[in-house]
Amino acid sequence: MASKTRIDWSLLLLRLAVGGMAFYAGFEPLLHSRFPGSLAQAGQWGLHLAEVVCGALIVLGLWVPLAALVFAVIFGWPMVWGWVHGAPIFGDLHGLFLLLVTLASALGGGGKWALGRD
């Protein structure tokens, strides 16, 4: 059985990895885009902004389960949509891995060293 300290460290590392990845996944496209000019561009821009906000919340440890679930939906919806329409489940192992660690972060919560205790 893992000690409480080991669990706290693992939750911190998981939170930093998932939150950092979410932040970067949203920040990079925003950095190279202009303000949206159409409704479709505004939707994309809004999704990237939501990734940045969710990533920052996860890294800080604020509302981790909610932020991780929102990011899992943003990130995982295209994969699930593909599965429904016949794409192989193990066709995108990298995406599946990211979805699973994001869900693990949602289940694990912020841990001991989060700004907002879950």
Protein backbone atom coordinates (compact mmCIF):
# COMPACT_ATOMS: atom_id res chain seq x y z
CA MET A 1 0.00 0.00 0.00
CA ALA A 2 1.34 3.43 -0.95
CA SER A 3 2.04 5.90 1.80
CA LYS A 4 0.11 9.16 2.01
CA THR A 5 3.28 11.08 1.10
CA ARG A 6 3.80 9.01 -2.07
CA ILE A 7 0.18 9.56 -3.09
CA ASP A 8 0.52 13.31 -2.48
CA TRP A 9 3.67 13.45 -4.61
CA SER A 10 2.06 11.42 -7.40
CA LEU A 11 -1.01 13.70 -7.43
CA LEU A 12 1.23 16.76 -7.60
CA LEU A 13 3.25 15.34 -10.51
CA LEU A 14 0.09 14.20 -12.31
CA ARG A 15 -1.46 17.64 -11.79
CA LEU A 16 1.64 19.42 -13.13
CA ALA A 17 1.87 17.13 -16.17
CA VAL A 18 -1.82 17.28 -17.12
CA GLY A 19 -2.25 20.96 -16.32
CA GLY A 20 0.95 21.93 -18.09
CA MET A 21 -0.02 19.92 -21.15
CA ALA A 22 -3.52 21.47 -21.18
CA PHE A 23 -2.11 24.97 -20.80
CA TYR A 24 0.42 24.47 -23.59
CA ALA A 25 -2.14 22.80 -25.87
CA GLY A 26 -4.33 25.90 -25.68
CA PHE A 27 -1.67 28.60 -25.41
CA GLU A 28 0.37 27.63 -28.45
CA PRO A 29 -2.51 28.06 -30.96
CA LEU A 30 -3.66 31.28 -29.26
CA LEU A 31 -0.16 32.68 -29.47
CA HIS A 32 -0.12 32.26 -33.26
CA SER A 33 -3.66 33.40 -34.04
CA ARG A 34 -5.42 36.68 -34.48
CA PHE A 35 -8.69 37.63 -32.85
CA PRO A 36 -11.44 35.57 -34.53
CA GLY A 37 -13.26 37.04 -37.49
CA SER A 38 -16.01 34.45 -37.90
CA LEU A 39 -18.21 32.35 -35.65
CA ALA A 40 -16.27 29.18 -36.46
CA GLN A 41 -12.98 30.90 -35.62
CA ALA A 42 -14.52 32.24 -32.40
CA GLY A 43 -15.50 28.70 -31.42
CA GLN A 44 -11.95 27.43 -31.99
CA TRP A 45 -10.51 30.42 -30.15
CA GLY A 46 -12.90 29.81 -27.24
CA LEU A 47 -11.88 26.15 -27.00
CA HIS A 48 -8.19 27.09 -26.89
CA LEU A 49 -8.91 29.71 -24.23
CA ALA A 50 -10.81 27.09 -22.19
CA GLU A 51 -7.78 24.77 -22.45
CA VAL A 52 -5.52 27.54 -21.13
CA VAL A 53 -7.87 28.30 -18.22
CA CYS A 54 -8.37 24.62 -17.34
CA GLY A 55 -4.63 23.99 -17.52
CA ALA A 56 -3.86 26.91 -15.23
CA LEU A 57 -6.52 25.79 -12.72
CA ILE A 58 -5.16 22.24 -12.69
CA VAL A 59 -1.55 23.37 -12.21
CA LEU A 60 -2.58 25.67 -9.35
CA GLY A 61 -4.79 23.01 -7.83
CA LEU A 62 -8.02 24.98 -8.00
CA TRP A 63 -11.20 23.05 -8.85
CA VAL A 64 -9.07 20.23 -10.24
CA PRO A 65 -11.84 17.64 -10.77
CA LEU A 66 -14.05 20.10 -12.65
CA ALA A 67 -11.21 21.64 -14.69
CA ALA A 68 -9.84 18.19 -15.61
CA LEU A 69 -13.27 16.94 -16.66
CA VAL A 70 -13.83 20.03 -18.82
CA PHE A 71 -10.44 19.49 -20.44
CA ALA A 72 -11.17 15.77 -20.90
CA VAL A 73 -14.39 16.67 -22.73
CA ILE A 74 -12.65 19.26 -24.92
CA PHE A 75 -9.79 16.90 -25.68
CA GLY A 76 -11.66 13.60 -25.76
CA TRP A 77 -14.80 14.51 -27.65
CA PRO A 78 -13.21 14.27 -31.12
CA MET A 79 -11.74 10.86 -30.20
CA VAL A 80 -15.05 9.53 -28.91
CA TRP A 81 -16.82 10.92 -31.98
CA GLY A 82 -14.32 9.04 -34.13
CA TRP A 83 -14.93 5.84 -32.17
CA VAL A 84 -18.68 6.17 -32.67
CA HIS A 85 -18.08 6.49 -36.41
CA GLY A 86 -15.79 3.50 -36.72
CA ALA A 87 -12.29 4.67 -35.82
CA PRO A 88 -10.31 2.02 -33.94
CA ILE A 89 -10.10 2.63 -30.18
CA PHE A 90 -6.37 2.00 -30.17
CA GLY A 91 -5.83 3.95 -33.39
CA ASP A 92 -4.55 7.02 -31.51
CA LEU A 93 -2.59 5.67 -28.54
CA HIS A 94 -1.12 9.05 -27.70
CA GLY A 95 -4.56 10.65 -27.56
CA LEU A 96 -5.97 7.75 -25.55
CA PHE A 97 -3.10 8.07 -23.06
CA LEU A 98 -3.72 11.81 -22.65
CA LEU A 99 -7.43 11.23 -22.15
CA LEU A 100 -6.79 8.57 -19.50
CA VAL A 101 -4.30 10.67 -17.49
CA THR A 102 -6.68 13.62 -17.65
CA LEU A 103 -9.48 11.45 -16.25
CA ALA A 104 -7.09 10.11 -13.59
CA SER A 105 -6.34 13.70 -12.62
CA ALA A 106 -10.05 14.42 -12.35
CA LEU A 107 -10.54 11.39 -10.10
CA GLY A 108 -7.44 12.05 -7.97
CA GLY A 109 -8.16 15.71 -7.34
CA GLY A 110 -5.66 18.34 -6.36
CA GLY A 111 -3.96 16.54 -3.51
CA LYS A 112 -2.29 17.93 -0.42
CA TRP A 113 -0.35 20.71 -2.16
CA ALA A 114 -3.24 22.22 -4.10
CA LEU A 115 -4.36 25.79 -3.50
CA GLY A 116 -7.97 24.63 -3.31
CA ARG A 117 -8.47 21.41 -1.40
CA ASP A 118 -10.97 19.04 -3.07
